[in-house]
Amino acid sequence: MTRIAVIGGGRIGEALIAGLLQSGRAPKDLVVAESSAERADELTGLFGIRATTIADAAEGADVVVIAVKPNDVDAVMAELTSVELDGDREQMVVSLVAGLPTSRYEAKLPAGFPVVRVMPNTPMLVGEGVSVIAGGRYAKPEHLALVTDVLASVGKVVAVAESQMDAVTAVSGSGPAYFFLIVEAMVDAGVGIGLTRATATELVVQTMLGSAAMLDRSGESATDLRAAVTSPGGTTAAALRELERGGVRTAFYEALVAAKSRSAVLGGGTE
């Protein structure tokens, strides 16, 4: 089995570990490196996997997953470069760090070392994420296939060119926050028109779940499904008219442009 080292035991790292174990991978094939001893002990207790140093975890791994905050990447790479990593034996680095390009890692790793960049999102915590992958300069199709297999344990996987990653960050990386804001706004509005908060929350959450399932399973587009709910002159039409008048489409477009631009800046781009 592929040996996987997860560097960083935060929420995303934990979600990946949990998904891999649930998909049938053996605890002996996973190891975690976590700077907090308390957190490392917690993960060991939860999953029965070994916790160790970054250098030790990476040295025996086929896949080194970096799942830390962007500000911690340089410290992680400093420890990784002290290890005799070997791209020739098909070791590779997988980055789950938002905003950082593969070139950032390639510059510090041995020449020709394969790196795959991933933009995950938080629904992977419940096994329903979407992880978008892009290969670096030296990543081969077999590397992408292996990363796809690993990430399939926590949701769907989509491959794009790395040049599209800032746009991906704006859509799916930040997307859960947009969804939660819409839910928050609908619940508040429901309370405003007379429902209890508990009832409004239950109605909104189940409506979102059911609508997403319809969109996923029906084969119809969002436009078609929206039209099917909207009777001419009816309540839905009245509501949609107000949303359009409020500029909801323009607001979403400007929001995604802002997120994409910010992602480029954080990654060292020029936007």
C-alpha atoms as a PDB file:
ATOM      1  CA  MET A   1       0.000   0.000   0.000  1.00  0.00           C
ATOM      2  CA  THR A   2       1.034   3.597  -0.557  1.00  0.00           C
ATOM      3  CA  ARG A   3       2.548   5.124   2.562  1.00  0.00           C
ATOM      4  CA  ILE A   4       1.169   8.595   3.266  1.00  0.00           C
ATOM      5  CA  ALA A   5       2.567  11.236   5.610  1.00  0.00           C
ATOM      6  CA  VAL A   6       0.249  14.088   6.573  1.00  0.00           C
ATOM      7  CA  ILE A   7       2.144  17.166   7.702  1.00  0.00           C
ATOM      8  CA  GLY A   8      -0.299  19.174   9.785  1.00  0.00           C
ATOM      9  CA  GLY A   9      -3.028  17.782  11.998  1.00  0.00           C
ATOM     10  CA  GLY A  10      -5.598  20.563  11.696  1.00  0.00           C
ATOM     11  CA  ARG A  11      -9.155  20.141  10.460  1.00  0.00           C
ATOM     12  CA  ILE A  12      -8.200  19.441   6.846  1.00  0.00           C
ATOM     13  CA  GLY A  13      -5.423  17.048   7.817  1.00  0.00           C
ATOM     14  CA  GLU A  14      -7.747  15.224  10.199  1.00  0.00           C
ATOM     15  CA  ALA A  15     -10.487  15.009   7.568  1.00  0.00           C
ATOM     16  CA  LEU A  16      -8.067  13.455   5.094  1.00  0.00           C
ATOM     17  CA  ILE A  17      -6.821  10.927   7.641  1.00  0.00           C
ATOM     18  CA  ALA A  18     -10.375   9.977   8.625  1.00  0.00           C
ATOM     19  CA  GLY A  19     -11.422   9.599   4.980  1.00  0.00           C
ATOM     20  CA  LEU A  20      -8.418   7.459   4.108  1.00  0.00           C
ATOM     21  CA  LEU A  21      -9.066   5.121   7.033  1.00  0.00           C
ATOM     22  CA  GLN A  22     -12.773   4.884   6.235  1.00  0.00           C
ATOM     23  CA  SER A  23     -11.910   3.981   2.640  1.00  0.00           C
ATOM     24  CA  GLY A  24      -9.963   0.967   3.858  1.00  0.00           C
ATOM     25  CA  ARG A  25      -6.378   2.146   4.235  1.00  0.00           C
ATOM     26  CA  ALA A  26      -4.535   0.601   7.171  1.00  0.00           C
ATOM     27  CA  PRO A  27      -3.419   2.823  10.081  1.00  0.00           C
ATOM     28  CA  LYS A  28       0.133   1.478   9.638  1.00  0.00           C
ATOM     29  CA  ASP A  29       0.276   3.115   6.196  1.00  0.00           C
ATOM     30  CA  LEU A  30      -0.475   6.580   7.594  1.00  0.00           C
ATOM     31  CA  VAL A  31       1.585   8.866   9.785  1.00  0.00           C
ATOM     32  CA  VAL A  32       1.000  12.425  10.972  1.00  0.00           C
ATOM     33  CA  ALA A  33       3.442  15.180  11.894  1.00  0.00           C
ATOM     34  CA  GLU A  34       1.874  17.793  14.163  1.00  0.00           C
ATOM     35  CA  SER A  35       3.738  20.522  16.056  1.00  0.00           C
ATOM     36  CA  SER A  36       1.323  20.486  19.002  1.00  0.00           C
ATOM     37  CA  ALA A  37       2.083  17.472  21.202  1.00  0.00           C
ATOM     38  CA  GLU A  38      -1.420  17.600  22.648  1.00  0.00           C
ATOM     39  CA  ARG A  39      -3.001  17.564  19.198  1.00  0.00           C
ATOM     40  CA  ALA A  40      -0.670  14.784  18.043  1.00  0.00           C
ATOM     41  CA  ASP A  41      -1.728  12.658  21.018  1.00  0.00           C
ATOM     42  CA  GLU A  42      -5.369  13.367  20.223  1.00  0.00           C
ATOM     43  CA  LEU A  43      -4.987  12.185  16.615  1.00  0.00           C
ATOM     44  CA  THR A  44      -3.112   9.071  17.722  1.00  0.00           C
ATOM     45  CA  GLY A  45      -5.913   8.262  20.136  1.00  0.00           C
ATOM     46  CA  LEU A  46      -8.636   8.904  17.581  1.00  0.00           C
ATOM     47  CA  PHE A  47      -7.173   7.008  14.654  1.00  0.00           C
ATOM     48  CA  GLY A  48      -4.488   4.668  15.959  1.00  0.00           C
ATOM     49  CA  ILE A  49      -1.865   6.151  13.653  1.00  0.00           C
ATOM     50  CA  ARG A  50       1.694   7.079  14.509  1.00  0.00           C
ATOM     51  CA  ALA A  51       2.638  10.703  15.212  1.00  0.00           C
ATOM     52  CA  THR A  52       6.233  11.723  14.625  1.00  0.00           C
ATOM     53  CA  THR A  53       8.489  14.517  13.350  1.00  0.00           C
ATOM     54  CA  ILE A  54       8.243  16.010   9.877  1.00  0.00           C
ATOM     55  CA  ALA A  55      11.603  14.564   8.851  1.00  0.00           C
ATOM     56  CA  ASP A  56      10.791  11.057  10.085  1.00  0.00           C
ATOM     57  CA  ALA A  57       7.307  11.106   8.541  1.00  0.00           C
ATOM     58  CA  ALA A  58       8.581  12.246   5.148  1.00  0.00           C
ATOM     59  CA  GLU A  59      11.552   9.896   4.947  1.00  0.00           C
ATOM     60  CA  GLY A  60       9.445   6.751   4.891  1.00  0.00           C
ATOM     61  CA  ALA A  61       6.514   8.079   2.874  1.00  0.00           C
ATOM     62  CA  ASP A  62       5.568   7.701  -0.770  1.00  0.00           C
ATOM     63  CA  VAL A  63       3.261  10.716  -0.571  1.00  0.00           C
ATOM     64  CA  VAL A  64       3.998  13.715   1.648  1.00  0.00           C
ATOM     65  CA  VAL A  65       0.854  15.782   2.145  1.00  0.00           C
ATOM     66  CA  ILE A  66       1.424  19.330   3.390  1.00  0.00           C
ATOM     67  CA  ALA A  67      -1.707  20.548   5.187  1.00  0.00           C
ATOM     68  CA  VAL A  68      -0.549  23.552   7.182  1.00  0.00           C
ATOM     69  CA  LYS A  69      -1.251  27.284   7.107  1.00  0.00           C
ATOM     70  CA  PRO A  70       0.568  29.260   4.382  1.00  0.00           C
ATOM     71  CA  ASN A  71       2.726  31.026   6.964  1.00  0.00           C
ATOM     72  CA  ASP A  72       4.029  27.665   8.204  1.00  0.00           C
ATOM     73  CA  VAL A  73       5.114  26.311   4.818  1.00  0.00           C
ATOM     74  CA  ASP A  74       8.650  27.710   4.897  1.00  0.00           C
ATOM     75  CA  ALA A  75       9.321  26.048   8.252  1.00  0.00           C
ATOM     76  CA  VAL A  76       7.954  22.732   6.940  1.00  0.00           C
ATOM     77  CA  MET A  77      10.073  22.946   3.799  1.00  0.00           C
ATOM     78  CA  ALA A  78      13.174  23.703   5.843  1.00  0.00           C
ATOM     79  CA  GLU A  79      12.672  20.395   7.667  1.00  0.00           C
ATOM     80  CA  LEU A  80      11.810  18.506   4.492  1.00  0.00           C
ATOM     81  CA  THR A  81      14.988  19.635   2.762  1.00  0.00           C
ATOM     82  CA  SER A  82      16.999  18.029   5.571  1.00  0.00           C
ATOM     83  CA  VAL A  83      15.605  14.646   4.486  1.00  0.00           C
ATOM     84  CA  GLU A  84      16.932  12.633   1.556  1.00  0.00           C
ATOM     85  CA  LEU A  85      13.765  12.760  -0.514  1.00  0.00           C
ATOM     86  CA  ASP A  86      13.912  10.794  -3.734  1.00  0.00           C
ATOM     87  CA  GLY A  87      11.666  11.630  -6.658  1.00  0.00           C
ATOM     88  CA  ASP A  88      13.189   8.733  -8.605  1.00  0.00           C
ATOM     89  CA  ARG A  89      11.465   6.249  -6.305  1.00  0.00           C
ATOM     90  CA  GLU A  90       8.187   8.054  -7.014  1.00  0.00           C
ATOM     91  CA  GLN A  91       8.025  10.037  -3.814  1.00  0.00           C
ATOM     92  CA  MET A  92       5.978  13.190  -4.244  1.00  0.00           C
ATOM     93  CA  VAL A  93       4.731  16.221  -2.350  1.00  0.00           C
ATOM     94  CA  VAL A  94       1.040  17.109  -2.319  1.00  0.00           C
ATOM     95  CA  SER A  95       0.186  20.619  -1.154  1.00  0.00           C
ATOM     96  CA  LEU A  96      -3.210  21.337   0.382  1.00  0.00           C
ATOM     97  CA  VAL A  97      -2.076  24.878   1.195  1.00  0.00           C
ATOM     98  CA  ALA A  98      -4.215  27.641  -0.291  1.00  0.00           C
ATOM     99  CA  GLY A  99      -2.601  30.061  -2.700  1.00  0.00           C
ATOM    100  CA  LEU A 100       0.924  28.667  -3.000  1.00  0.00           C
ATOM    101  CA  PRO A 101       2.103  27.552  -6.477  1.00  0.00           C
ATOM    102  CA  THR A 102       3.957  24.318  -7.128  1.00  0.00           C
ATOM    103  CA  SER A 103       7.030  26.331  -8.130  1.00  0.00           C
ATOM    104  CA  ARG A 104       7.337  27.461  -4.496  1.00  0.00           C
ATOM    105  CA  TYR A 105       7.943  23.844  -3.475  1.00  0.00           C
ATOM    106  CA  GLU A 106       9.911  22.797  -6.557  1.00  0.00           C
ATOM    107  CA  ALA A 107      12.504  25.504  -5.869  1.00  0.00           C
ATOM    108  CA  LYS A 108      13.332  23.904  -2.515  1.00  0.00           C
ATOM    109  CA  LEU A 109      13.035  20.213  -3.410  1.00  0.00           C
ATOM    110  CA  PRO A 110      15.518  18.047  -5.343  1.00  0.00           C
ATOM    111  CA  ALA A 111      15.613  18.755  -9.077  1.00  0.00           C
ATOM    112  CA  GLY A 112      12.735  17.109 -10.921  1.00  0.00           C
ATOM    113  CA  PHE A 113      10.770  16.304  -7.766  1.00  0.00           C
ATOM    114  CA  PRO A 114       7.028  15.911  -8.478  1.00  0.00           C
ATOM    115  CA  VAL A 115       4.591  18.256  -6.742  1.00  0.00           C
ATOM    116  CA  VAL A 116       0.802  18.260  -6.990  1.00  0.00           C
ATOM    117  CA  ARG A 117      -1.199  21.245  -5.808  1.00  0.00           C
ATOM    118  CA  VAL A 118      -4.660  20.739  -4.332  1.00  0.00           C
ATOM    119  CA  MET A 119      -7.428  23.200  -3.515  1.00  0.00           C
ATOM    120  CA  PRO A 120      -9.709  21.361  -1.088  1.00  0.00           C
ATOM    121  CA  ASN A 121     -12.791  22.741   0.601  1.00  0.00           C
ATOM    122  CA  THR A 122     -14.224  22.254   4.064  1.00  0.00           C
ATOM    123  CA  PRO A 123     -17.083  19.859   3.145  1.00  0.00           C
ATOM    124  CA  MET A 124     -14.345  17.222   2.975  1.00  0.00           C
ATOM    125  CA  LEU A 125     -14.823  17.172   6.764  1.00  0.00           C
ATOM    126  CA  VAL A 126     -18.060  15.255   6.135  1.00  0.00           C
ATOM    127  CA  GLY A 127     -16.811  13.332   3.098  1.00  0.00           C
ATOM    128  CA  GLU A 128     -18.526  15.641   0.610  1.00  0.00           C
ATOM    129  CA  GLY A 129     -15.727  17.935  -0.459  1.00  0.00           C
ATOM    130  CA  VAL A 130     -14.484  18.784  -3.898  1.00  0.00           C
ATOM    131  CA  SER A 131     -10.705  18.760  -4.281  1.00  0.00           C
ATOM    132  CA  VAL A 132      -9.232  20.391  -7.360  1.00  0.00           C
ATOM    133  CA  ILE A 133      -5.771  19.173  -8.384  1.00  0.00           C
ATOM    134  CA  ALA A 134      -3.062  20.574 -10.645  1.00  0.00           C
ATOM    135  CA  GLY A 135       0.269  18.991 -11.419  1.00  0.00           C
ATOM    136  CA  GLY A 136       3.504  20.880 -11.152  1.00  0.00           C
ATOM    137  CA  ARG A 137       6.266  20.921 -13.737  1.00  0.00           C
ATOM    138  CA  TYR A 138       7.466  17.386 -12.972  1.00  0.00           C
ATOM    139  CA  ALA A 139       4.188  15.681 -12.044  1.00  0.00           C
ATOM    140  CA  LYS A 140       3.288  12.796 -14.347  1.00  0.00           C
ATOM    141  CA  PRO A 141      -0.155  11.374 -15.111  1.00  0.00           C
ATOM    142  CA  GLU A 142       0.475   8.549 -12.649  1.00  0.00           C
ATOM    143  CA  HIS A 143       1.117  11.077  -9.875  1.00  0.00           C
ATOM    144  CA  LEU A 144      -2.183  12.796 -10.590  1.00  0.00           C
ATOM    145  CA  ALA A 145      -3.934   9.421 -10.674  1.00  0.00           C
ATOM    146  CA  LEU A 146      -2.554   8.514  -7.257  1.00  0.00           C
ATOM    147  CA  VAL A 147      -3.546  11.858  -5.739  1.00  0.00           C
ATOM    148  CA  THR A 148      -7.022  11.470  -7.234  1.00  0.00           C
ATOM    149  CA  ASP A 149      -7.313   8.061  -5.594  1.00  0.00           C
ATOM    150  CA  VAL A 150      -6.196   9.450  -2.224  1.00  0.00           C
ATOM    151  CA  LEU A 151      -8.554  12.426  -2.283  1.00  0.00           C
ATOM    152  CA  ALA A 152     -11.550  10.436  -3.536  1.00  0.00           C
ATOM    153  CA  SER A 153     -11.921   9.228   0.050  1.00  0.00           C
ATOM    154  CA  VAL A 154     -13.192  12.669   1.086  1.00  0.00           C
ATOM    155  CA  GLY A 155     -15.279  13.699  -1.933  1.00  0.00           C
ATOM    156  CA  LYS A 156     -15.035  14.413  -5.632  1.00  0.00           C
ATOM    157  CA  VAL A 157     -11.814  15.282  -7.455  1.00  0.00           C
ATOM    158  CA  VAL A 158     -11.443  17.597 -10.456  1.00  0.00           C
ATOM    159  CA  ALA A 159      -8.228  18.260 -12.404  1.00  0.00           C
ATOM    160  CA  VAL A 160      -7.369  21.660 -13.930  1.00  0.00           C
ATOM    161  CA  ALA A 161      -4.333  23.519 -15.209  1.00  0.00           C
ATOM    162  CA  GLU A 162      -2.495  25.303 -12.413  1.00  0.00           C
ATOM    163  CA  SER A 163      -3.178  28.645 -14.111  1.00  0.00           C
ATOM    164  CA  GLN A 164      -6.845  28.172 -13.151  1.00  0.00           C
ATOM    165  CA  MET A 165      -6.211  27.589  -9.454  1.00  0.00           C
ATOM    166  CA  ASP A 166      -6.920  31.168  -8.366  1.00  0.00           C
ATOM    167  CA  ALA A 167     -10.322  30.942 -10.042  1.00  0.00           C
ATOM    168  CA  VAL A 168     -10.903  27.555  -8.391  1.00  0.00           C
ATOM    169  CA  THR A 169     -10.071  29.089  -5.014  1.00  0.00           C
ATOM    170  CA  ALA A 170     -12.687  31.766  -5.628  1.00  0.00           C
ATOM    171  CA  VAL A 171     -15.394  29.273  -6.613  1.00  0.00           C
ATOM    172  CA  SER A 172     -15.015  26.100  -4.558  1.00  0.00           C
ATOM    173  CA  GLY A 173     -12.323  26.965  -2.024  1.00  0.00           C
ATOM    174  CA  SER A 174     -14.208  29.961  -0.663  1.00  0.00           C
ATOM    175  CA  GLY A 175     -17.587  28.693  -1.883  1.00  0.00           C
ATOM    176  CA  PRO A 176     -18.764  27.116   1.391  1.00  0.00           C
ATOM    177  CA  ALA A 177     -18.616  30.553   3.043  1.00  0.00           C
ATOM    178  CA  TYR A 178     -20.929  32.000   0.366  1.00  0.00           C
ATOM    179  CA  PHE A 179     -23.351  29.132   0.951  1.00  0.00           C
ATOM    180  CA  PHE A 180     -23.310  29.617   4.717  1.00  0.00           C
ATOM    181  CA  LEU A 181     -23.921  33.345   4.270  1.00  0.00           C
ATOM    182  CA  ILE A 182     -26.985  32.626   2.121  1.00  0.00           C
ATOM    183  CA  VAL A 183     -28.285  30.174   4.736  1.00  0.00           C
ATOM    184  CA  GLU A 184     -27.668  32.728   7.477  1.00  0.00           C
ATOM    185  CA  ALA A 185     -29.512  35.423   5.515  1.00  0.00           C
ATOM    186  CA  MET A 186     -32.488  33.146   4.750  1.00  0.00           C
ATOM    187  CA  VAL A 187     -32.779  32.034   8.374  1.00  0.00           C
ATOM    188  CA  ASP A 188     -32.684  35.647   9.574  1.00  0.00           C
ATOM    189  CA  ALA A 189     -35.310  36.588   6.997  1.00  0.00           C
ATOM    190  CA  GLY A 190     -37.477  33.644   8.065  1.00  0.00           C
ATOM    191  CA  VAL A 191     -37.335  34.867  11.653  1.00  0.00           C
ATOM    192  CA  GLY A 192     -38.167  38.356  10.415  1.00  0.00           C
ATOM    193  CA  ILE A 193     -41.401  37.149   8.793  1.00  0.00           C
ATOM    194  CA  GLY A 194     -42.585  35.223  11.823  1.00  0.00           C
ATOM    195  CA  LEU A 195     -40.900  31.800  12.103  1.00  0.00           C
ATOM    196  CA  THR A 196     -38.928  30.647  15.112  1.00  0.00           C
ATOM    197  CA  ARG A 197     -35.181  30.440  14.518  1.00  0.00           C
ATOM    198  CA  ALA A 198     -35.224  26.678  15.027  1.00  0.00           C
ATOM    199  CA  THR A 199     -37.984  26.181  12.455  1.00  0.00           C
ATOM    200  CA  ALA A 200     -36.424  28.584   9.958  1.00  0.00           C
ATOM    201  CA  THR A 201     -33.055  26.820  10.310  1.00  0.00           C
ATOM    202  CA  GLU A 202     -34.552  23.368   9.779  1.00  0.00           C
ATOM    203  CA  LEU A 203     -36.492  24.524   6.715  1.00  0.00           C
ATOM    204  CA  VAL A 204     -33.543  26.293   5.119  1.00  0.00           C
ATOM    205  CA  VAL A 205     -30.986  23.531   5.743  1.00  0.00           C
ATOM    206  CA  GLN A 206     -33.234  20.764   4.410  1.00  0.00           C
ATOM    207  CA  THR A 207     -34.238  22.897   1.429  1.00  0.00           C
ATOM    208  CA  MET A 208     -30.560  23.394   0.595  1.00  0.00           C
ATOM    209  CA  LEU A 209     -29.794  19.683   0.991  1.00  0.00           C
ATOM    210  CA  GLY A 210     -32.735  18.639  -1.165  1.00  0.00           C
ATOM    211  CA  SER A 211     -32.049  21.228  -3.842  1.00  0.00           C
ATOM    212  CA  ALA A 212     -28.392  20.218  -4.097  1.00  0.00           C
ATOM    213  CA  ALA A 213     -29.428  16.575  -4.407  1.00  0.00           C
ATOM    214  CA  MET A 214     -31.872  17.436  -7.192  1.00  0.00           C
ATOM    215  CA  LEU A 215     -29.195  19.351  -9.064  1.00  0.00           C
ATOM    216  CA  ASP A 216     -26.693  16.523  -8.629  1.00  0.00           C
ATOM    217  CA  ARG A 217     -29.020  13.662  -9.582  1.00  0.00           C
ATOM    218  CA  SER A 218     -31.561  15.034 -12.044  1.00  0.00           C
ATOM    219  CA  GLY A 219     -29.213  15.844 -14.913  1.00  0.00           C
ATOM    220  CA  GLU A 220     -30.976  19.190 -15.321  1.00  0.00           C
ATOM    221  CA  SER A 221     -29.264  22.560 -15.100  1.00  0.00           C
ATOM    222  CA  ALA A 222     -29.781  25.026 -12.274  1.00  0.00           C
ATOM    223  CA  THR A 223     -31.531  27.304 -14.763  1.00  0.00           C
ATOM    224  CA  ASP A 224     -34.017  24.591 -15.730  1.00  0.00           C
ATOM    225  CA  LEU A 225     -34.708  23.601 -12.138  1.00  0.00           C
ATOM    226  CA  ARG A 226     -35.206  27.217 -11.095  1.00  0.00           C
ATOM    227  CA  ALA A 227     -37.641  27.757 -13.964  1.00  0.00           C
ATOM    228  CA  ALA A 228     -39.616  24.661 -12.951  1.00  0.00           C
ATOM    229  CA  VAL A 229     -40.218  26.143  -9.477  1.00  0.00           C
ATOM    230  CA  THR A 230     -41.096  29.605 -10.777  1.00  0.00           C
ATOM    231  CA  SER A 231     -44.731  29.954 -11.794  1.00  0.00           C
ATOM    232  CA  PRO A 232     -45.541  33.149 -13.725  1.00  0.00           C
ATOM    233  CA  GLY A 233     -46.894  35.750 -11.335  1.00  0.00           C
ATOM    234  CA  GLY A 234     -46.370  33.479  -8.320  1.00  0.00           C
ATOM    235  CA  THR A 235     -44.569  33.788  -4.993  1.00  0.00           C
ATOM    236  CA  THR A 236     -41.222  32.530  -6.280  1.00  0.00           C
ATOM    237  CA  ALA A 237     -41.281  34.960  -9.177  1.00  0.00           C
ATOM    238  CA  ALA A 238     -41.935  37.814  -6.765  1.00  0.00           C
ATOM    239  CA  ALA A 239     -38.982  36.760  -4.597  1.00  0.00           C
ATOM    240  CA  LEU A 240     -36.604  36.292  -7.538  1.00  0.00           C
ATOM    241  CA  ARG A 241     -37.556  39.695  -8.904  1.00  0.00           C
ATOM    242  CA  GLU A 242     -36.368  41.281  -5.640  1.00  0.00           C
ATOM    243  CA  LEU A 243     -33.121  39.311  -5.675  1.00  0.00           C
ATOM    244  CA  GLU A 244     -32.403  40.407  -9.244  1.00  0.00           C
ATOM    245  CA  ARG A 245     -33.269  43.996  -8.361  1.00  0.00           C
ATOM    246  CA  GLY A 246     -30.809  43.737  -5.472  1.00  0.00           C
ATOM    247  CA  GLY A 247     -28.062  42.793  -7.919  1.00  0.00           C
ATOM    248  CA  VAL A 248     -27.411  39.284  -6.650  1.00  0.00           C
ATOM    249  CA  ARG A 249     -25.694  38.158  -9.875  1.00  0.00           C
ATOM    250  CA  THR A 250     -23.411  41.187 -10.002  1.00  0.00           C
ATOM    251  CA  ALA A 251     -22.593  40.804  -6.324  1.00  0.00           C
ATOM    252  CA  PHE A 252     -21.549  37.185  -6.824  1.00  0.00           C
ATOM    253  CA  TYR A 253     -19.447  38.046  -9.862  1.00  0.00           C
ATOM    254  CA  GLU A 254     -17.645  40.854  -8.026  1.00  0.00           C
ATOM    255  CA  ALA A 255     -17.154  38.607  -4.987  1.00  0.00           C
ATOM    256  CA  LEU A 256     -15.486  35.887  -7.062  1.00  0.00           C
ATOM    257  CA  VAL A 257     -13.300  38.405  -8.890  1.00  0.00           C
ATOM    258  CA  ALA A 258     -12.164  39.765  -5.506  1.00  0.00           C
ATOM    259  CA  ALA A 259     -11.425  36.276  -4.190  1.00  0.00           C
ATOM    260  CA  LYS A 260      -9.493  35.318  -7.317  1.00  0.00           C
ATOM    261  CA  SER A 261      -7.431  38.511  -7.171  1.00  0.00           C
ATOM    262  CA  ARG A 262      -6.670  38.003  -3.500  1.00  0.00           C
ATOM    263  CA  SER A 263      -5.598  34.408  -4.155  1.00  0.00           C
ATOM    264  CA  ALA A 264      -3.188  35.629  -6.828  1.00  0.00           C
ATOM    265  CA  VAL A 265      -1.676  38.164  -4.450  1.00  0.00           C
ATOM    266  CA  LEU A 266      -1.254  35.614  -1.653  1.00  0.00           C
ATOM    267  CA  GLY A 267       0.402  33.215  -4.087  1.00  0.00           C
ATOM    268  CA  GLY A 268       2.892  35.827  -5.253  1.00  0.00           C
ATOM    269  CA  GLY A 269       1.032  36.838  -8.408  1.00  0.00           C
ATOM    270  CA  THR A 270       0.509  40.350  -9.667  1.00  0.00           C
ATOM    271  CA  GLU A 271      -3.271  40.785  -9.784  1.00  0.00           C
END
